[in-house]
Amino acid sequence: MTDKTEQDLRHALGNARAETEALKSMLTKAADRLEDIVEANCSDEEQDKALATAQRLRKVIERTGGKSDGAADGATLPAA
């Protein structure tokens, strides 16, 4: 593998990790907002829907590893 190819792969991996972390953050905020809605004066049916959606969002976060340390599903590159 050439240095240019390795550099490109490292850059792409870094971008993918950053995007993953941004999406996790967005999902977490969405789940938090849905839980806030439940605390408001909504109908029981709407509260149940919001809680179910929040739970689904949190499961998505957990399935992606739930990590925020930059490690993406154990993916590693060889040391330079």
PDB file of N, CA and C in Angstrom:
ATOM      1  N   MET A   1       0.850  -1.166   0.000  1.00  0.00           N
ATOM      2  CA  MET A   1       0.000   0.000   0.000  1.00  0.00           C
ATOM      3  C   MET A   1       0.902   1.238   0.000  1.00  0.00           C
ATOM      4  N   THR A   2       0.576   2.205  -0.838  1.00  0.00           N
ATOM      5  CA  THR A   2       1.382   3.416  -0.902  1.00  0.00           C
ATOM      6  C   THR A   2       1.034   4.339   0.247  1.00  0.00           C
ATOM      7  N   ASP A   3       1.956   5.247   0.529  1.00  0.00           N
ATOM      8  CA  ASP A   3       1.703   6.215   1.602  1.00  0.00           C
ATOM      9  C   ASP A   3       0.479   7.065   1.297  1.00  0.00           C
ATOM     10  N   LYS A   4       0.303   7.427   0.030  1.00  0.00           N
ATOM     11  CA  LYS A   4      -0.857   8.235  -0.377  1.00  0.00           C
ATOM     12  C   LYS A   4      -2.154   7.473  -0.124  1.00  0.00           C
ATOM     13  N   THR A   5      -2.192   6.192  -0.490  1.00  0.00           N
ATOM     14  CA  THR A   5      -3.388   5.374  -0.278  1.00  0.00           C
ATOM     15  C   THR A   5      -3.683   5.245   1.214  1.00  0.00           C
ATOM     16  N   GLU A   6      -2.649   4.981   2.004  1.00  0.00           N
ATOM     17  CA  GLU A   6      -2.842   4.845   3.451  1.00  0.00           C
ATOM     18  C   GLU A   6      -3.336   6.162   4.049  1.00  0.00           C
ATOM     19  N   GLN A   7      -2.773   7.268   3.596  1.00  0.00           N
ATOM     20  CA  GLN A   7      -3.197   8.573   4.082  1.00  0.00           C
ATOM     21  C   GLN A   7      -4.660   8.827   3.716  1.00  0.00           C
ATOM     22  N   ASP A   8      -5.036   8.487   2.491  1.00  0.00           N
ATOM     23  CA  ASP A   8      -6.430   8.648   2.058  1.00  0.00           C
ATOM     24  C   ASP A   8      -7.369   7.789   2.890  1.00  0.00           C
ATOM     25  N   LEU A   9      -6.961   6.552   3.174  1.00  0.00           N
ATOM     26  CA  LEU A   9      -7.793   5.657   3.987  1.00  0.00           C
ATOM     27  C   LEU A   9      -7.935   6.172   5.414  1.00  0.00           C
ATOM     28  N   ARG A  10      -6.839   6.664   5.976  1.00  0.00           N
ATOM     29  CA  ARG A  10      -6.902   7.220   7.335  1.00  0.00           C
ATOM     30  C   ARG A  10      -7.837   8.428   7.375  1.00  0.00           C
ATOM     31  N   HIS A  11      -7.752   9.256   6.343  1.00  0.00           N
ATOM     32  CA  HIS A  11      -8.614  10.430   6.266  1.00  0.00           C
ATOM     33  C   HIS A  11     -10.086  10.009   6.160  1.00  0.00           C
ATOM     34  N   ALA A  12     -10.369   9.039   5.299  1.00  0.00           N
ATOM     35  CA  ALA A  12     -11.740   8.554   5.125  1.00  0.00           C
ATOM     36  C   ALA A  12     -12.269   7.947   6.417  1.00  0.00           C
ATOM     37  N   LEU A  13     -11.417   7.189   7.109  1.00  0.00           N
ATOM     38  CA  LEU A  13     -11.827   6.587   8.383  1.00  0.00           C
ATOM     39  C   LEU A  13     -12.119   7.671   9.411  1.00  0.00           C
ATOM     40  N   GLY A  14     -11.270   8.673   9.469  1.00  0.00           N
ATOM     41  CA  GLY A  14     -11.496   9.779  10.399  1.00  0.00           C
ATOM     42  C   GLY A  14     -12.812  10.485  10.117  1.00  0.00           C
ATOM     43  N   ASN A  15     -13.098  10.705   8.835  1.00  0.00           N
ATOM     44  CA  ASN A  15     -14.370  11.337   8.463  1.00  0.00           C
ATOM     45  C   ASN A  15     -15.553  10.464   8.859  1.00  0.00           C
ATOM     46  N   ALA A  16     -15.443   9.162   8.623  1.00  0.00           N
ATOM     47  CA  ALA A  16     -16.537   8.243   8.967  1.00  0.00           C
ATOM     48  C   ALA A  16     -16.768   8.228  10.475  1.00  0.00           C
ATOM     49  N   ARG A  17     -15.692   8.234  11.241  1.00  0.00           N
ATOM     50  CA  ARG A  17     -15.832   8.260  12.699  1.00  0.00           C
ATOM     51  C   ARG A  17     -16.494   9.547  13.167  1.00  0.00           C
ATOM     52  N   ALA A  18     -16.088  10.676  12.583  1.00  0.00           N
ATOM     53  CA  ALA A  18     -16.671  11.961  12.956  1.00  0.00           C
ATOM     54  C   ALA A  18     -18.168  11.992  12.612  1.00  0.00           C
ATOM     55  N   GLU A  19     -18.514  11.475  11.448  1.00  0.00           N
ATOM     56  CA  GLU A  19     -19.923  11.427  11.053  1.00  0.00           C
ATOM     57  C   GLU A  19     -20.727  10.537  11.999  1.00  0.00           C
ATOM     58  N   THR A  20     -20.153   9.398  12.375  1.00  0.00           N
ATOM     59  CA  THR A  20     -20.827   8.482  13.288  1.00  0.00           C
ATOM     60  C   THR A  20     -21.077   9.156  14.630  1.00  0.00           C
ATOM     61  N   GLU A  21     -20.079   9.832  15.148  1.00  0.00           N
ATOM     62  CA  GLU A  21     -20.235  10.518  16.432  1.00  0.00           C
ATOM     63  C   GLU A  21     -21.268  11.631  16.338  1.00  0.00           C
ATOM     64  N   ALA A  22     -21.287  12.356  15.227  1.00  0.00           N
ATOM     65  CA  ALA A  22     -22.276  13.419  15.042  1.00  0.00           C
ATOM     66  C   ALA A  22     -23.685  12.830  15.007  1.00  0.00           C
ATOM     67  N   LEU A  23     -23.854  11.719  14.303  1.00  0.00           N
ATOM     68  CA  LEU A  23     -25.175  11.073  14.240  1.00  0.00           C
ATOM     69  C   LEU A  23     -25.606  10.557  15.604  1.00  0.00           C
ATOM     70  N   LYS A  24     -24.685   9.970  16.358  1.00  0.00           N
ATOM     71  CA  LYS A  24     -25.018   9.499  17.702  1.00  0.00           C
ATOM     72  C   LYS A  24     -25.472  10.664  18.572  1.00  0.00           C
ATOM     73  N   SER A  25     -24.773  11.787  18.448  1.00  0.00           N
ATOM     74  CA  SER A  25     -25.137  12.968  19.221  1.00  0.00           C
ATOM     75  C   SER A  25     -26.533  13.442  18.848  1.00  0.00           C
ATOM     76  N   MET A  26     -26.821  13.471  17.551  1.00  0.00           N
ATOM     77  CA  MET A  26     -28.144  13.888  17.097  1.00  0.00           C
ATOM     78  C   MET A  26     -29.225  12.937  17.605  1.00  0.00           C
ATOM     79  N   LEU A  27     -28.960  11.635  17.566  1.00  0.00           N
ATOM     80  CA  LEU A  27     -29.937  10.663  18.048  1.00  0.00           C
ATOM     81  C   LEU A  27     -30.174  10.820  19.549  1.00  0.00           C
ATOM     82  N   THR A  28     -29.099  11.044  20.282  1.00  0.00           N
ATOM     83  CA  THR A  28     -29.224  11.228  21.731  1.00  0.00           C
ATOM     84  C   THR A  28     -30.076  12.456  22.045  1.00  0.00           C
ATOM     85  N   LYS A  29     -29.804  13.550  21.338  1.00  0.00           N
ATOM     86  CA  LYS A  29     -30.585  14.769  21.556  1.00  0.00           C
ATOM     87  C   LYS A  29     -32.047  14.553  21.182  1.00  0.00           C
ATOM     88  N   ALA A  30     -32.297  13.834  20.097  1.00  0.00           N
ATOM     89  CA  ALA A  30     -33.683  13.554  19.690  1.00  0.00           C
ATOM     90  C   ALA A  30     -34.393  12.721  20.750  1.00  0.00           C
ATOM     91  N   ALA A  31     -33.716  11.707  21.269  1.00  0.00           N
ATOM     92  CA  ALA A  31     -34.314  10.871  22.314  1.00  0.00           C
ATOM     93  C   ALA A  31     -34.591  11.698  23.563  1.00  0.00           C
ATOM     94  N   ASP A  32     -33.658  12.572  23.921  1.00  0.00           N
ATOM     95  CA  ASP A  32     -33.864  13.443  25.086  1.00  0.00           C
ATOM     96  C   ASP A  32     -35.073  14.349  24.886  1.00  0.00           C
ATOM     97  N   ARG A  33     -35.197  14.920  23.683  1.00  0.00           N
ATOM     98  CA  ARG A  33     -36.336  15.806  23.394  1.00  0.00           C
ATOM     99  C   ARG A  33     -37.658  15.048  23.465  1.00  0.00           C
ATOM    100  N   LEU A  34     -37.662  13.816  22.950  1.00  0.00           N
ATOM    101  CA  LEU A  34     -38.885  13.019  23.016  1.00  0.00           C
ATOM    102  C   LEU A  34     -39.281  12.735  24.458  1.00  0.00           C
ATOM    103  N   GLU A  35     -38.292  12.459  25.288  1.00  0.00           N
ATOM    104  CA  GLU A  35     -38.593  12.227  26.700  1.00  0.00           C
ATOM    105  C   GLU A  35     -39.104  13.501  27.364  1.00  0.00           C
ATOM    106  N   ASP A  36     -38.593  14.662  26.926  1.00  0.00           N
ATOM    107  CA  ASP A  36     -39.103  15.931  27.451  1.00  0.00           C
ATOM    108  C   ASP A  36     -40.564  16.129  27.071  1.00  0.00           C
ATOM    109  N   ILE A  37     -40.906  15.712  25.857  1.00  0.00           N
ATOM    110  CA  ILE A  37     -42.296  15.820  25.397  1.00  0.00           C
ATOM    111  C   ILE A  37     -43.214  15.020  26.313  1.00  0.00           C
ATOM    112  N   VAL A  38     -42.742  13.861  26.715  1.00  0.00           N
ATOM    113  CA  VAL A  38     -43.550  13.003  27.581  1.00  0.00           C
ATOM    114  C   VAL A  38     -43.857  13.712  28.897  1.00  0.00           C
ATOM    115  N   GLU A  39     -42.904  14.508  29.371  1.00  0.00           N
ATOM    116  CA  GLU A  39     -43.107  15.220  30.628  1.00  0.00           C
ATOM    117  C   GLU A  39     -44.099  16.372  30.470  1.00  0.00           C
ATOM    118  N   ALA A  40     -44.306  16.820  29.229  1.00  0.00           N
ATOM    119  CA  ALA A  40     -45.266  17.896  28.974  1.00  0.00           C
ATOM    120  C   ALA A  40     -46.680  17.328  29.058  1.00  0.00           C
ATOM    121  N   ASN A  41     -47.643  18.177  28.917  1.00  0.00           N
ATOM    122  CA  ASN A  41     -49.040  17.763  29.006  1.00  0.00           C
ATOM    123  C   ASN A  41     -49.533  17.220  27.673  1.00  0.00           C
ATOM    124  N   CYS A  42     -49.101  16.018  27.326  1.00  0.00           N
ATOM    125  CA  CYS A  42     -49.552  15.351  26.104  1.00  0.00           C
ATOM    126  C   CYS A  42     -50.522  14.237  26.482  1.00  0.00           C
ATOM    127  N   SER A  43     -51.236  13.770  25.479  1.00  0.00           N
ATOM    128  CA  SER A  43     -52.128  12.640  25.725  1.00  0.00           C
ATOM    129  C   SER A  43     -51.294  11.403  26.037  1.00  0.00           C
ATOM    130  N   ASP A  44     -51.911  10.445  26.707  1.00  0.00           N
ATOM    131  CA  ASP A  44     -51.213   9.212  27.039  1.00  0.00           C
ATOM    132  C   ASP A  44     -50.711   8.508  25.780  1.00  0.00           C
ATOM    133  N   GLU A  45     -51.504   8.539  24.730  1.00  0.00           N
ATOM    134  CA  GLU A  45     -51.119   7.885  23.470  1.00  0.00           C
ATOM    135  C   GLU A  45     -49.871   8.552  22.882  1.00  0.00           C
ATOM    136  N   GLU A  46     -49.832   9.870  22.875  1.00  0.00           N
ATOM    137  CA  GLU A  46     -48.674  10.588  22.338  1.00  0.00           C
ATOM    138  C   GLU A  46     -47.440  10.364  23.209  1.00  0.00           C
ATOM    139  N   GLN A  47     -47.636  10.301  24.501  1.00  0.00           N
ATOM    140  CA  GLN A  47     -46.519  10.024  25.409  1.00  0.00           C
ATOM    141  C   GLN A  47     -45.947   8.640  25.140  1.00  0.00           C
ATOM    142  N   ASP A  48     -46.823   7.657  24.957  1.00  0.00           N
ATOM    143  CA  ASP A  48     -46.371   6.290  24.667  1.00  0.00           C
ATOM    144  C   ASP A  48     -45.581   6.241  23.361  1.00  0.00           C
ATOM    145  N   LYS A  49     -46.072   6.940  22.343  1.00  0.00           N
ATOM    146  CA  LYS A  49     -45.374   6.977  21.053  1.00  0.00           C
ATOM    147  C   LYS A  49     -43.994   7.619  21.193  1.00  0.00           C
ATOM    148  N   ALA A  50     -43.939   8.726  21.928  1.00  0.00           N
ATOM    149  CA  ALA A  50     -42.664   9.428  22.108  1.00  0.00           C
ATOM    150  C   ALA A  50     -41.669   8.567  22.868  1.00  0.00           C
ATOM    151  N   LEU A  51     -42.125   7.900  23.915  1.00  0.00           N
ATOM    152  CA  LEU A  51     -41.231   7.024  24.685  1.00  0.00           C
ATOM    153  C   LEU A  51     -40.730   5.854  23.836  1.00  0.00           C
ATOM    154  N   ALA A  52     -41.614   5.273  23.036  1.00  0.00           N
ATOM    155  CA  ALA A  52     -41.220   4.155  22.171  1.00  0.00           C
ATOM    156  C   ALA A  52     -40.172   4.612  21.152  1.00  0.00           C
ATOM    157  N   THR A  53     -40.367   5.791  20.587  1.00  0.00           N
ATOM    158  CA  THR A  53     -39.397   6.318  19.631  1.00  0.00           C
ATOM    159  C   THR A  53     -38.064   6.591  20.310  1.00  0.00           C
ATOM    160  N   ALA A  54     -38.088   7.173  21.485  1.00  0.00           N
ATOM    161  CA  ALA A  54     -36.856   7.437  22.232  1.00  0.00           C
ATOM    162  C   ALA A  54     -36.110   6.131  22.514  1.00  0.00           C
ATOM    163  N   GLN A  55     -36.847   5.089  22.884  1.00  0.00           N
ATOM    164  CA  GLN A  55     -36.213   3.796  23.145  1.00  0.00           C
ATOM    165  C   GLN A  55     -35.572   3.229  21.880  1.00  0.00           C
ATOM    166  N   ARG A  56     -36.256   3.363  20.736  1.00  0.00           N
ATOM    167  CA  ARG A  56     -35.689   2.878  19.472  1.00  0.00           C
ATOM    168  C   ARG A  56     -34.418   3.634  19.119  1.00  0.00           C
ATOM    169  N   LEU A  57     -34.414   4.945  19.319  1.00  0.00           N
ATOM    170  CA  LEU A  57     -33.224   5.740  19.026  1.00  0.00           C
ATOM    171  C   LEU A  57     -32.052   5.311  19.913  1.00  0.00           C
ATOM    172  N   ARG A  58     -32.333   5.085  21.185  1.00  0.00           N
ATOM    173  CA  ARG A  58     -31.258   4.669  22.098  1.00  0.00           C
ATOM    174  C   ARG A  58     -30.721   3.275  21.732  1.00  0.00           C
ATOM    175  N   LYS A  59     -31.577   2.401  21.228  1.00  0.00           N
ATOM    176  CA  LYS A  59     -31.114   1.083  20.777  1.00  0.00           C
ATOM    177  C   LYS A  59     -30.187   1.213  19.582  1.00  0.00           C
ATOM    178  N   VAL A  60     -30.503   2.140  18.682  1.00  0.00           N
ATOM    179  CA  VAL A  60     -29.637   2.377  17.523  1.00  0.00           C
ATOM    180  C   VAL A  60     -28.258   2.818  18.004  1.00  0.00           C
ATOM    181  N   ILE A  61     -28.234   3.719  18.974  1.00  0.00           N
ATOM    182  CA  ILE A  61     -26.963   4.197  19.512  1.00  0.00           C
ATOM    183  C   ILE A  61     -26.182   3.036  20.125  1.00  0.00           C
ATOM    184  N   GLU A  62     -26.857   2.195  20.905  1.00  0.00           N
ATOM    185  CA  GLU A  62     -26.199   1.051  21.539  1.00  0.00           C
ATOM    186  C   GLU A  62     -25.642   0.086  20.501  1.00  0.00           C
ATOM    187  N   ARG A  63     -26.375  -0.147  19.420  1.00  0.00           N
ATOM    188  CA  ARG A  63     -25.935  -1.095  18.389  1.00  0.00           C
ATOM    189  C   ARG A  63     -24.723  -0.603  17.623  1.00  0.00           C
ATOM    190  N   THR A  64     -24.484   0.707  17.634  1.00  0.00           N
ATOM    191  CA  THR A  64     -23.297   1.235  16.968  1.00  0.00           C
ATOM    192  C   THR A  64     -22.111   1.256  17.919  1.00  0.00           C
ATOM    193  N   GLY A  65     -22.265   0.624  19.033  1.00  0.00           N
ATOM    194  CA  GLY A  65     -21.174   0.523  19.990  1.00  0.00           C
ATOM    195  C   GLY A  65     -21.314   1.491  21.143  1.00  0.00           C
ATOM    196  N   GLY A  66     -22.124   2.509  20.960  1.00  0.00           N
ATOM    197  CA  GLY A  66     -22.329   3.472  22.027  1.00  0.00           C
ATOM    198  C   GLY A  66     -21.065   4.166  22.472  1.00  0.00           C
ATOM    199  N   LYS A  67     -20.006   4.075  21.676  1.00  0.00           N
ATOM    200  CA  LYS A  67     -18.717   4.637  22.050  1.00  0.00           C
ATOM    201  C   LYS A  67     -18.628   6.078  21.601  1.00  0.00           C
ATOM    202  N   SER A  68     -17.940   6.879  22.388  1.00  0.00           N
ATOM    203  CA  SER A  68     -17.676   8.249  21.971  1.00  0.00           C
ATOM    204  C   SER A  68     -16.189   8.535  22.091  1.00  0.00           C
ATOM    205  N   ASP A  69     -15.372   7.484  22.072  1.00  0.00           N
ATOM    206  CA  ASP A  69     -13.925   7.644  22.213  1.00  0.00           C
ATOM    207  C   ASP A  69     -13.205   7.632  20.881  1.00  0.00           C
ATOM    208  N   GLY A  70     -13.960   7.682  19.766  1.00  0.00           N
ATOM    209  CA  GLY A  70     -13.345   7.700  18.449  1.00  0.00           C
ATOM    210  C   GLY A  70     -13.106   6.330  17.872  1.00  0.00           C
ATOM    211  N   ALA A  71     -13.268   5.267  18.659  1.00  0.00           N
ATOM    212  CA  ALA A  71     -13.077   3.919  18.137  1.00  0.00           C
ATOM    213  C   ALA A  71     -14.371   3.471  17.483  1.00  0.00           C
ATOM    214  N   ALA A  72     -14.263   3.097  16.234  1.00  0.00           N
ATOM    215  CA  ALA A  72     -15.457   2.698  15.488  1.00  0.00           C
ATOM    216  C   ALA A  72     -15.488   1.189  15.325  1.00  0.00           C
ATOM    217  N   ASP A  73     -16.284   0.535  16.137  1.00  0.00           N
ATOM    218  CA  ASP A  73     -16.481  -0.919  16.033  1.00  0.00           C
ATOM    219  C   ASP A  73     -15.181  -1.698  15.942  1.00  0.00           C
ATOM    220  N   GLY A  74     -14.182  -1.255  16.688  1.00  0.00           N
ATOM    221  CA  GLY A  74     -12.931  -1.992  16.748  1.00  0.00           C
ATOM    222  C   GLY A  74     -12.055  -1.849  15.525  1.00  0.00           C
ATOM    223  N   ALA A  75     -12.405  -0.967  14.604  1.00  0.00           N
ATOM    224  CA  ALA A  75     -11.611  -0.792  13.399  1.00  0.00           C
ATOM    225  C   ALA A  75     -10.303  -0.121  13.737  1.00  0.00           C
ATOM    226  N   THR A  76      -9.239  -0.669  13.213  1.00  0.00           N
ATOM    227  CA  THR A  76      -7.920  -0.078  13.441  1.00  0.00           C
ATOM    228  C   THR A  76      -7.139  -0.101  12.134  1.00  0.00           C
ATOM    229  N   LEU A  77      -6.191   0.798  12.049  1.00  0.00           N
ATOM    230  CA  LEU A  77      -5.275   0.821  10.926  1.00  0.00           C
ATOM    231  C   LEU A  77      -3.888   0.522  11.457  1.00  0.00           C
ATOM    232  N   PRO A  78      -3.030  -0.048  10.636  1.00  0.00           N
ATOM    233  CA  PRO A  78      -1.671  -0.292  11.105  1.00  0.00           C
ATOM    234  C   PRO A  78      -0.967   1.012  11.418  1.00  0.00           C
ATOM    235  N   ALA A  79      -0.071   0.975  12.376  1.00  0.00           N
ATOM    236  CA  ALA A  79       0.683   2.163  12.749  1.00  0.00           C
ATOM    237  C   ALA A  79       1.540   2.608  11.576  1.00  0.00           C
ATOM    238  N   ALA A  80       1.682   3.919  11.473  1.00  0.00           N
ATOM    239  CA  ALA A  80       2.476   4.487  10.362  1.00  0.00           C
ATOM    240  C   ALA A  80       3.944   4.259  10.578  1.00  0.00           C
TER     241      ALA A  80
END
